[in-house]
Amino acid sequence: MQAAPVRATAIPSFTDALRAVESLLLSGGQRTARRNAWTSVLEDRRRAKDRVEAQQVLEQSFLAH
């Protein structure tokens, strides 16, 4: 008797699982709007980080003179 071949299937990541649930619950337009909103949040965070870094550079240069 031969053993059945073993098939390796990748376990989906948490992100993949969330996207699958999202696709079941939301229509295409809602899904797009949600992704656009998240992209905006990430961009706002990046800009805020850039502002903090610029402020620090200005403060350091002011203190150096």
Protein backbone atom coordinates (compact mmCIF):
# COMPACT_ATOMS: atom_id res chain seq x y z
CA MET A 1 0.00 0.00 0.00
CA GLN A 2 1.38 3.37 -1.00
CA ALA A 3 0.90 6.53 1.01
CA ALA A 4 -1.12 9.27 -0.61
CA PRO A 5 0.99 12.18 -1.89
CA VAL A 6 1.26 15.06 0.52
CA ARG A 7 0.13 18.42 -0.82
CA ALA A 8 1.59 21.51 0.77
CA THR A 9 -0.81 24.42 0.84
CA ALA A 10 0.25 27.78 2.11
CA ILE A 11 -1.65 29.08 5.09
CA PRO A 12 -3.09 32.47 4.16
CA SER A 13 -1.74 35.46 5.98
CA PHE A 14 -3.91 37.47 8.34
CA THR A 15 -4.12 40.20 5.69
CA ASP A 16 -5.25 37.70 3.07
CA ALA A 17 -7.91 36.40 5.44
CA LEU A 18 -9.18 39.92 6.16
CA ARG A 19 -9.36 40.70 2.46
CA ALA A 20 -11.34 37.52 1.85
CA VAL A 21 -13.84 38.46 4.55
CA GLU A 22 -13.95 42.02 3.24
CA SER A 23 -14.73 40.81 -0.28
CA LEU A 24 -17.61 38.72 1.03
CA LEU A 25 -19.11 41.53 3.11
CA LEU A 26 -18.55 44.60 0.98
CA SER A 27 -19.45 45.45 -2.58
CA GLY A 28 -16.68 46.51 -4.96
CA GLY A 29 -17.27 50.24 -4.52
CA GLN A 30 -17.23 50.02 -0.74
CA ARG A 31 -14.06 47.96 -0.86
CA THR A 32 -12.37 50.56 -3.05
CA ALA A 33 -13.50 53.39 -0.79
CA ARG A 34 -12.18 51.56 2.26
CA ARG A 35 -8.79 50.96 0.66
CA ASN A 36 -8.59 54.58 -0.48
CA ALA A 37 -9.40 55.74 3.04
CA TRP A 38 -6.68 53.52 4.51
CA THR A 39 -4.18 54.82 1.94
CA SER A 40 -5.08 58.36 3.01
CA VAL A 41 -4.51 57.47 6.67
CA LEU A 42 -1.07 56.06 5.88
CA GLU A 43 -0.17 59.14 3.82
CA ASP A 44 -1.32 61.46 6.64
CA ARG A 45 0.87 59.54 9.09
CA ARG A 46 3.84 59.85 6.74
CA ARG A 47 3.33 63.60 6.37
CA ALA A 48 3.01 64.01 10.14
CA LYS A 49 6.29 62.13 10.63
CA ASP A 50 7.95 64.35 8.00
CA ARG A 51 6.68 67.48 9.80
CA VAL A 52 8.10 66.27 13.13
CA GLU A 53 11.47 65.54 11.52
CA ALA A 54 11.53 68.96 9.79
CA GLN A 55 10.66 70.68 13.07
CA GLN A 56 13.50 68.86 14.82
CA VAL A 57 15.98 69.90 12.13
CA LEU A 58 14.85 73.52 12.39
CA GLU A 59 15.13 73.49 16.17
CA GLN A 60 18.62 71.96 16.02
CA SER A 61 19.82 74.49 13.46
CA PHE A 62 18.34 77.35 15.51
CA LEU A 63 20.12 76.13 18.64
CA ALA A 64 23.41 75.73 16.76
CA HIS A 65 23.53 79.42 15.77
